[in-house]
Structures are given as C-alpha cells and as structure tokens.
C-alpha cells in the first residue's frame, strides 16, 4: 500500500511517501510476517520495481553508520556549534575512504583471538593503521629539551 502527501509535524514543507509492505501468503512457510512500514523522503519516489533495490541497500548503510559511530568515534566529540558538527560529519566518509585505500599498505596485525585476513576489512585496517602512521612520521619538529629552569629570582 502507498500513501503520499504526508509530512512531519515540524517540517510541513517536506513531503513524505509512506509504504506498507505486507506478505499476504508466505511461500512454503507457516510463519506470519509483520507488515513493514517504510518512509520515502526525497524529490520523487522511484518505481516500485526499483524501490526494493534501495531497500536492500540499507544493510550496507546501517553497517557503515555502526562502524562510523563505534570505530571512528563519530558521535563522541561534544562540539559547540552546528557548523563544527557538520564539518566533523563530513570527515567520516573521507576517513572511510582513507581506510579503504590504505588496505594494500597495511600489514595485518591480528589480536591474539583474531585470525589473519587476506582481504582486510575497514575495521582491521583501522586496527593496523598506527603502523602506517609510524612509518610516515610527522611533519612536526621534535620537542626542544627544556633543560634546567633557573628558578625564581
């Protein structure tokens, strides 16, 4: 079923399409499926024959959000302004690309309970990334030695 012309109470100018997907007669199963409610927020809803592909894509997106929150600490900083939060959020896809591109340069360093991987996941690359950073070094000058303070006059 499909309903159109709805909106959120706080944003009446943003239209929303609502879909309810329901399995009427499950094929070869006695299990009853609950209806699935979906909302589409966009310019134009795609055709129903293409919409299921976008629905299946949500699994990859949900895993990325979990990875960004847990491993890249997306939600950890307490930023004072909305602009700073948006800049921080803009860095998350760039960090993900950096991890993806660094797969070939990383040497797998599994923890004792982990098995070695041939194709490293972004989480495993993030785990091995300090070795790349140590090899690259830093552009900062080494700290100057302080020496003995003359003390108070």
N, C-alpha and C. Protein backbone atom coordinates (compact mmCIF):
# COMPACT_ATOMS: atom_id res chain seq x y z
N UNK A 1 0.84 -1.17 0.00
CA UNK A 1 0.00 0.00 0.00
C UNK A 1 0.89 1.24 0.00
N UNK A 2 0.39 2.30 -0.57
CA UNK A 2 1.18 3.52 -0.76
C UNK A 2 0.31 4.73 -0.43
N UNK A 3 0.88 5.62 0.41
CA UNK A 3 0.21 6.88 0.74
C UNK A 3 1.18 8.01 0.42
N UNK A 4 0.66 9.10 -0.10
CA UNK A 4 1.51 10.23 -0.41
C UNK A 4 0.89 11.51 0.15
N UNK A 5 1.71 12.57 0.19
CA UNK A 5 1.23 13.86 0.68
C UNK A 5 1.34 14.03 2.18
N UNK A 6 2.05 13.14 2.86
CA UNK A 6 2.22 13.29 4.30
C UNK A 6 3.46 14.11 4.58
N UNK A 7 3.59 14.59 5.82
CA UNK A 7 4.77 15.34 6.25
C UNK A 7 4.90 15.23 7.75
N UNK A 8 6.09 15.55 8.24
CA UNK A 8 6.32 15.61 9.68
C UNK A 8 5.69 16.88 10.23
N UNK A 9 5.29 16.84 11.47
CA UNK A 9 4.64 18.00 12.09
C UNK A 9 5.57 19.21 12.12
N UNK A 10 6.88 18.96 12.38
CA UNK A 10 7.82 20.06 12.50
C UNK A 10 8.28 20.63 11.15
N UNK A 11 8.09 19.88 10.08
CA UNK A 11 8.53 20.37 8.76
C UNK A 11 7.42 20.12 7.73
N UNK A 12 6.45 21.00 7.70
CA UNK A 12 5.31 20.77 6.79
C UNK A 12 5.64 20.92 5.32
N UNK A 13 6.74 21.58 4.99
CA UNK A 13 7.09 21.76 3.58
C UNK A 13 7.79 20.55 2.98
N UNK A 14 8.24 19.63 3.82
CA UNK A 14 8.97 18.43 3.37
C UNK A 14 7.98 17.29 3.22
N UNK A 15 7.69 16.90 1.98
CA UNK A 15 6.70 15.84 1.76
C UNK A 15 7.30 14.47 2.00
N UNK A 16 6.43 13.51 2.29
CA UNK A 16 6.88 12.16 2.62
C UNK A 16 5.90 11.17 2.01
N UNK A 17 6.46 10.10 1.50
CA UNK A 17 5.66 9.00 0.97
C UNK A 17 5.75 7.86 1.98
N UNK A 18 4.64 7.20 2.23
CA UNK A 18 4.61 6.09 3.19
C UNK A 18 4.20 4.83 2.44
N UNK A 19 4.94 3.76 2.70
CA UNK A 19 4.67 2.47 2.07
C UNK A 19 4.48 1.42 3.16
N UNK A 20 3.56 0.52 2.93
CA UNK A 20 3.42 -0.64 3.80
C UNK A 20 3.56 -1.89 2.94
N UNK A 21 4.58 -2.68 3.28
CA UNK A 21 4.85 -3.92 2.55
C UNK A 21 4.36 -5.05 3.43
N UNK A 22 3.53 -5.90 2.85
CA UNK A 22 2.93 -6.97 3.64
C UNK A 22 2.96 -8.26 2.83
N UNK A 23 3.36 -9.34 3.48
CA UNK A 23 3.35 -10.65 2.86
C UNK A 23 2.00 -11.27 3.14
N UNK A 24 1.23 -11.47 2.09
CA UNK A 24 -0.12 -12.00 2.25
C UNK A 24 -0.08 -13.51 2.45
N UNK A 25 0.55 -14.22 1.51
CA UNK A 25 0.67 -15.67 1.62
C UNK A 25 2.14 -16.03 1.52
N UNK A 26 2.80 -16.36 2.64
CA UNK A 26 4.21 -16.73 2.57
C UNK A 26 4.39 -18.02 1.77
N UNK A 27 5.40 -18.04 0.93
CA UNK A 27 5.67 -19.19 0.06
C UNK A 27 6.31 -20.31 0.85
N UNK A 28 5.57 -21.38 1.07
CA UNK A 28 6.11 -22.57 1.71
C UNK A 28 6.40 -22.42 3.20
N UNK A 29 5.88 -21.39 3.85
CA UNK A 29 6.14 -21.20 5.28
C UNK A 29 4.82 -20.98 6.01
N UNK A 30 4.82 -21.39 7.26
CA UNK A 30 3.64 -21.19 8.09
C UNK A 30 3.78 -19.94 8.96
N UNK A 31 4.97 -19.34 8.94
CA UNK A 31 5.23 -18.18 9.77
C UNK A 31 4.50 -16.95 9.25
N UNK A 32 3.92 -16.20 10.14
CA UNK A 32 3.26 -14.95 9.77
C UNK A 32 4.27 -13.81 9.84
N UNK A 33 4.33 -13.00 8.82
CA UNK A 33 5.24 -11.86 8.78
C UNK A 33 4.50 -10.60 9.18
N UNK A 34 5.19 -9.76 9.95
CA UNK A 34 4.62 -8.47 10.33
C UNK A 34 4.73 -7.51 9.15
N UNK A 35 3.79 -6.57 9.04
CA UNK A 35 3.92 -5.58 7.96
C UNK A 35 5.15 -4.71 8.17
N UNK A 36 5.76 -4.31 7.07
CA UNK A 36 6.95 -3.47 7.10
C UNK A 36 6.56 -2.07 6.63
N UNK A 37 6.79 -1.09 7.49
CA UNK A 37 6.46 0.30 7.17
C UNK A 37 7.72 1.02 6.73
N UNK A 38 7.66 1.68 5.58
CA UNK A 38 8.78 2.42 5.02
C UNK A 38 8.34 3.85 4.72
N UNK A 39 9.27 4.77 4.87
CA UNK A 39 9.00 6.17 4.52
C UNK A 39 10.04 6.60 3.49
N UNK A 40 9.59 7.35 2.49
CA UNK A 40 10.48 7.87 1.46
C UNK A 40 10.49 9.38 1.57
N UNK A 41 11.68 9.94 1.82
CA UNK A 41 11.87 11.38 1.86
C UNK A 41 12.77 11.74 0.69
N UNK A 42 12.22 12.32 -0.30
CA UNK A 42 13.00 12.66 -1.48
C UNK A 42 12.16 13.44 -2.46
N UNK A 43 12.79 13.78 -3.56
CA UNK A 43 12.09 14.56 -4.57
C UNK A 43 10.94 13.75 -5.18
N UNK A 44 11.27 12.56 -5.68
CA UNK A 44 10.27 11.75 -6.36
C UNK A 44 10.53 10.29 -5.98
N UNK A 45 9.50 9.61 -5.62
CA UNK A 45 9.65 8.20 -5.24
C UNK A 45 9.92 7.38 -6.50
N UNK A 46 10.90 6.47 -6.43
CA UNK A 46 11.15 5.63 -7.61
C UNK A 46 10.01 4.64 -7.83
N UNK A 47 10.05 4.01 -8.96
CA UNK A 47 9.04 2.99 -9.24
C UNK A 47 9.20 1.84 -8.26
N UNK A 48 8.11 1.14 -8.01
CA UNK A 48 8.14 0.06 -7.03
C UNK A 48 9.09 -1.07 -7.45
N UNK A 49 9.27 -1.26 -8.74
CA UNK A 49 10.17 -2.32 -9.18
C UNK A 49 11.63 -1.98 -8.86
N UNK A 50 11.97 -0.69 -8.69
CA UNK A 50 13.33 -0.27 -8.33
C UNK A 50 13.48 0.02 -6.84
N UNK A 51 12.40 0.20 -6.15
CA UNK A 51 12.45 0.59 -4.75
C UNK A 51 13.03 -0.52 -3.87
N UNK A 52 12.78 -1.77 -4.21
CA UNK A 52 13.27 -2.86 -3.38
C UNK A 52 14.80 -2.91 -3.38
N UNK A 53 15.44 -2.45 -4.48
CA UNK A 53 16.90 -2.42 -4.52
C UNK A 53 17.45 -1.40 -3.52
N UNK A 54 16.78 -0.27 -3.41
CA UNK A 54 17.20 0.73 -2.42
C UNK A 54 16.97 0.22 -1.01
N UNK A 55 15.91 -0.53 -0.81
CA UNK A 55 15.64 -1.11 0.50
C UNK A 55 16.73 -2.11 0.89
N UNK A 56 17.18 -2.91 -0.06
CA UNK A 56 18.24 -3.87 0.25
C UNK A 56 19.56 -3.17 0.54
N UNK A 57 19.77 -1.99 -0.01
CA UNK A 57 21.00 -1.23 0.21
C UNK A 57 21.12 -0.73 1.65
N UNK A 58 20.03 -0.71 2.37
CA UNK A 58 20.07 -0.19 3.74
C UNK A 58 20.98 -0.99 4.64
N UNK A 59 21.19 -2.27 4.37
CA UNK A 59 22.06 -3.08 5.22
C UNK A 59 23.49 -2.55 5.19
N UNK A 60 23.98 -2.21 4.01
CA UNK A 60 25.34 -1.66 3.91
C UNK A 60 25.42 -0.32 4.62
N UNK A 61 24.40 0.49 4.49
CA UNK A 61 24.41 1.80 5.13
C UNK A 61 24.36 1.68 6.65
N UNK A 62 23.54 0.76 7.15
CA UNK A 62 23.44 0.59 8.60
C UNK A 62 24.75 0.09 9.19
N UNK A 63 25.43 -0.79 8.47
CA UNK A 63 26.74 -1.25 8.95
C UNK A 63 27.75 -0.11 8.94
N UNK A 64 27.70 0.76 7.93
CA UNK A 64 28.62 1.88 7.89
C UNK A 64 28.36 2.84 9.04
N UNK A 65 27.10 3.12 9.33
CA UNK A 65 26.79 4.01 10.45
C UNK A 65 27.30 3.42 11.76
N UNK A 66 27.14 2.14 11.94
CA UNK A 66 27.64 1.49 13.16
C UNK A 66 29.16 1.59 13.24
N UNK A 67 29.84 1.36 12.12
CA UNK A 67 31.29 1.45 12.08
C UNK A 67 31.75 2.87 12.37
N UNK A 68 31.08 3.85 11.77
CA UNK A 68 31.47 5.25 11.98
C UNK A 68 31.26 5.67 13.44
N UNK A 69 30.22 5.17 14.05
CA UNK A 69 29.96 5.55 15.44
C UNK A 69 30.89 4.83 16.41
N UNK A 70 31.14 3.55 16.18
CA UNK A 70 31.93 2.78 17.13
C UNK A 70 33.43 2.89 16.92
N UNK A 71 33.90 2.77 15.68
CA UNK A 71 35.34 2.73 15.43
C UNK A 71 35.93 4.09 15.09
N UNK A 72 35.15 4.93 14.38
CA UNK A 72 35.65 6.25 14.00
C UNK A 72 35.21 7.33 14.98
N UNK A 73 34.45 6.95 16.00
CA UNK A 73 34.01 7.85 17.08
C UNK A 73 33.28 9.07 16.54
N UNK A 74 32.33 8.82 15.66
CA UNK A 74 31.58 9.89 15.02
C UNK A 74 30.80 10.72 16.03
N UNK A 75 30.15 10.07 16.98
CA UNK A 75 29.27 10.78 17.90
C UNK A 75 29.94 11.13 19.22
N UNK A 76 31.21 10.85 19.36
CA UNK A 76 31.88 11.08 20.64
C UNK A 76 32.18 12.54 20.96
N UNK A 77 32.69 13.35 20.03
CA UNK A 77 33.04 14.72 20.41
C UNK A 77 31.79 15.55 20.72
N UNK A 78 31.92 16.38 21.74
CA UNK A 78 30.85 17.30 22.12
C UNK A 78 31.17 18.65 21.50
N UNK A 79 30.69 18.87 20.30
CA UNK A 79 31.03 20.07 19.54
C UNK A 79 30.05 21.19 19.88
N UNK A 80 30.57 22.42 19.95
CA UNK A 80 29.78 23.55 20.42
C UNK A 80 28.84 24.10 19.35
N UNK A 81 29.23 24.06 18.09
CA UNK A 81 28.41 24.68 17.05
C UNK A 81 27.93 23.63 16.05
N UNK A 82 26.88 23.99 15.36
CA UNK A 82 26.34 23.10 14.32
C UNK A 82 27.31 22.99 13.16
N UNK A 83 28.00 24.08 12.84
CA UNK A 83 28.96 24.05 11.73
C UNK A 83 30.11 23.10 12.03
N UNK A 84 30.59 23.11 13.28
CA UNK A 84 31.67 22.18 13.65
C UNK A 84 31.19 20.74 13.58
N UNK A 85 29.96 20.49 14.00
CA UNK A 85 29.41 19.13 13.92
C UNK A 85 29.27 18.69 12.47
N UNK A 86 28.86 19.61 11.60
CA UNK A 86 28.74 19.26 10.18
C UNK A 86 30.10 18.99 9.56
N UNK A 87 31.12 19.77 9.92
CA UNK A 87 32.47 19.52 9.41
C UNK A 87 32.97 18.17 9.89
N UNK A 88 32.71 17.85 11.16
CA UNK A 88 33.13 16.56 11.71
C UNK A 88 32.41 15.43 10.98
N UNK A 89 31.13 15.61 10.70
CA UNK A 89 30.37 14.59 9.97
C UNK A 89 30.85 14.47 8.53
N UNK A 90 31.30 15.57 7.93
CA UNK A 90 31.82 15.50 6.57
C UNK A 90 33.12 14.71 6.50
N UNK A 91 33.83 14.60 7.61
CA UNK A 91 35.09 13.85 7.62
C UNK A 91 34.87 12.34 7.64
N UNK A 92 33.73 11.88 8.10
CA UNK A 92 33.51 10.44 8.25
C UNK A 92 33.62 9.68 6.94
N UNK A 93 32.98 10.11 5.84
CA UNK A 93 33.20 9.38 4.58
C UNK A 93 34.64 9.45 4.10
N UNK A 94 35.30 10.59 4.34
CA UNK A 94 36.71 10.70 3.94
C UNK A 94 37.59 9.73 4.73
N UNK A 95 37.30 9.58 6.02
CA UNK A 95 38.06 8.62 6.82
C UNK A 95 37.82 7.20 6.34
N UNK A 96 36.58 6.92 5.96
CA UNK A 96 36.27 5.58 5.45
C UNK A 96 37.02 5.31 4.16
N UNK A 97 37.07 6.30 3.25
CA UNK A 97 37.82 6.13 2.00
C UNK A 97 39.30 5.96 2.28
N UNK A 98 39.81 6.71 3.24
CA UNK A 98 41.23 6.58 3.56
C UNK A 98 41.54 5.17 4.05
N UNK A 99 40.68 4.62 4.88
CA UNK A 99 40.89 3.25 5.34
C UNK A 99 40.78 2.26 4.19
N UNK A 100 39.83 2.50 3.29
CA UNK A 100 39.67 1.58 2.16
C UNK A 100 40.88 1.63 1.25
N UNK A 101 41.41 2.83 1.00
CA UNK A 101 42.57 2.96 0.12
C UNK A 101 43.86 2.47 0.77
N UNK A 102 43.91 2.44 2.09
CA UNK A 102 45.12 2.01 2.80
C UNK A 102 45.16 0.50 3.00
N UNK A 103 44.19 -0.23 2.48
CA UNK A 103 44.17 -1.69 2.66
C UNK A 103 45.45 -2.35 2.17
N UNK A 104 45.94 -1.92 1.02
CA UNK A 104 47.11 -2.56 0.43
C UNK A 104 48.39 -2.25 1.20
N UNK A 105 48.45 -1.09 1.83
CA UNK A 105 49.66 -0.68 2.54
C UNK A 105 49.73 -1.22 3.97
N UNK A 106 48.61 -1.69 4.49
CA UNK A 106 48.58 -2.17 5.87
C UNK A 106 49.05 -3.61 5.96
N UNK A 107 49.76 -3.87 7.03
CA UNK A 107 50.15 -5.24 7.35
C UNK A 107 49.23 -5.70 8.46
N UNK A 108 48.57 -6.83 8.22
CA UNK A 108 47.60 -7.32 9.18
C UNK A 108 48.30 -7.66 10.49
N UNK A 109 47.80 -7.10 11.56
CA UNK A 109 48.32 -7.37 12.90
C UNK A 109 47.16 -7.82 13.78
N UNK A 110 46.75 -9.08 13.63
CA UNK A 110 45.58 -9.52 14.39
C UNK A 110 45.87 -9.60 15.89
N UNK A 111 44.86 -9.35 16.65
CA UNK A 111 44.95 -9.53 18.09
C UNK A 111 44.99 -11.03 18.36
N UNK A 112 45.40 -11.45 19.57
CA UNK A 112 45.57 -12.89 19.81
C UNK A 112 44.34 -13.75 19.52
N UNK A 113 43.14 -13.21 19.67
CA UNK A 113 41.94 -14.01 19.45
C UNK A 113 41.41 -13.88 18.03
N UNK A 114 42.08 -13.10 17.17
CA UNK A 114 41.62 -12.91 15.80
C UNK A 114 42.44 -13.76 14.85
N UNK A 115 41.79 -14.20 13.78
CA UNK A 115 42.51 -14.94 12.75
C UNK A 115 42.99 -13.96 11.69
N UNK A 116 44.02 -14.36 10.96
CA UNK A 116 44.57 -13.48 9.92
C UNK A 116 43.59 -13.36 8.76
N UNK A 117 43.59 -12.21 8.10
CA UNK A 117 42.69 -11.96 6.97
C UNK A 117 43.50 -11.64 5.72
N UNK A 118 43.05 -12.18 4.60
CA UNK A 118 43.67 -11.83 3.33
C UNK A 118 43.14 -10.49 2.83
N UNK A 119 41.83 -10.33 2.84
CA UNK A 119 41.20 -9.06 2.45
C UNK A 119 40.78 -8.37 3.74
N UNK A 120 41.49 -7.32 4.07
CA UNK A 120 41.24 -6.66 5.35
C UNK A 120 40.00 -5.78 5.29
N UNK A 121 39.21 -5.86 6.34
CA UNK A 121 38.03 -5.01 6.48
C UNK A 121 38.46 -3.62 6.93
N UNK A 122 37.60 -2.63 6.80
CA UNK A 122 37.97 -1.29 7.29
C UNK A 122 38.30 -1.27 8.78
N UNK A 123 37.63 -2.09 9.56
CA UNK A 123 37.94 -2.16 10.98
C UNK A 123 39.33 -2.71 11.24
N UNK A 124 39.72 -3.73 10.47
CA UNK A 124 41.05 -4.31 10.63
C UNK A 124 42.12 -3.35 10.14
N UNK A 125 41.82 -2.56 9.09
CA UNK A 125 42.76 -1.55 8.62
C UNK A 125 42.93 -0.47 9.68
N UNK A 126 41.83 -0.06 10.31
CA UNK A 126 41.91 0.93 11.38
C UNK A 126 42.75 0.41 12.54
N UNK A 127 42.67 -0.89 12.78
CA UNK A 127 43.47 -1.51 13.85
C UNK A 127 44.96 -1.50 13.50
N UNK A 128 45.29 -1.65 12.21
CA UNK A 128 46.68 -1.70 11.79
C UNK A 128 47.21 -0.34 11.33
N UNK A 129 46.37 0.69 11.32
CA UNK A 129 46.76 1.99 10.80
C UNK A 129 47.89 2.66 11.57
N UNK A 130 48.05 2.46 12.88
CA UNK A 130 49.19 3.09 13.57
C UNK A 130 50.55 2.70 13.00
N UNK A 131 50.68 1.52 12.42
CA UNK A 131 51.96 1.14 11.81
C UNK A 131 52.26 2.01 10.59
N UNK A 132 51.22 2.36 9.82
CA UNK A 132 51.42 3.25 8.67
C UNK A 132 51.80 4.64 9.17
N UNK A 133 51.12 5.12 10.18
CA UNK A 133 51.44 6.44 10.72
C UNK A 133 52.85 6.50 11.28
N UNK A 134 53.30 5.44 11.92
CA UNK A 134 54.66 5.41 12.45
C UNK A 134 55.68 5.41 11.32
N UNK A 135 55.37 4.73 10.22
CA UNK A 135 56.30 4.70 9.09
C UNK A 135 56.36 6.05 8.37
N UNK A 136 55.23 6.72 8.28
CA UNK A 136 55.20 8.02 7.61
C UNK A 136 55.92 9.07 8.44
N UNK A 137 55.71 9.03 9.72
CA UNK A 137 56.31 10.05 10.58
C UNK A 137 55.41 11.26 10.71
N UNK A 138 55.92 12.30 11.27
CA UNK A 138 55.15 13.52 11.49
C UNK A 138 55.90 14.71 10.94
N UNK A 139 55.18 15.70 10.42
CA UNK A 139 55.85 16.90 9.92
C UNK A 139 56.27 17.85 11.05
N UNK A 140 55.84 17.58 12.26
CA UNK A 140 56.17 18.47 13.37
C UNK A 140 57.63 18.30 13.78
N UNK A 141 58.21 19.37 14.28
CA UNK A 141 59.58 19.34 14.78
C UNK A 141 59.61 18.57 16.10
N UNK A 142 60.73 17.90 16.39
CA UNK A 142 60.79 17.22 17.69
C UNK A 142 60.77 18.25 18.82
N UNK A 143 60.27 17.89 19.97
CA UNK A 143 60.20 18.86 21.06
C UNK A 143 61.59 19.27 21.52
N UNK A 144 61.72 20.54 21.87
CA UNK A 144 63.00 21.04 22.36
C UNK A 144 63.17 20.64 23.81
N UNK A 145 64.40 20.31 24.14
CA UNK A 145 64.65 19.96 25.54
C UNK A 145 64.55 21.22 26.38
N UNK A 146 64.00 21.07 27.53
CA UNK A 146 63.75 22.24 28.37
C UNK A 146 64.98 22.63 29.16
N UNK A 147 65.73 21.66 29.58
CA UNK A 147 66.92 21.97 30.40
C UNK A 147 66.53 22.31 31.83
N UNK A 148 67.45 22.84 32.55
CA UNK A 148 67.20 23.21 33.95
C UNK A 148 66.62 24.60 34.00
N UNK A 149 65.60 24.76 34.75
CA UNK A 149 65.00 26.08 34.95
C UNK A 149 65.86 26.89 35.92
N UNK A 150 66.08 28.17 35.63
CA UNK A 150 66.92 28.95 36.53
C UNK A 150 66.25 29.18 37.90
N UNK A 151 64.99 28.94 37.98
CA UNK A 151 64.30 29.13 39.26
C UNK A 151 63.88 30.57 39.45
N UNK A 152 63.27 30.81 40.54
CA UNK A 152 62.74 32.14 40.83
C UNK A 152 63.88 33.04 41.31
N UNK A 153 63.87 34.26 40.79
CA UNK A 153 64.94 35.18 41.16
C UNK A 153 64.75 35.66 42.61
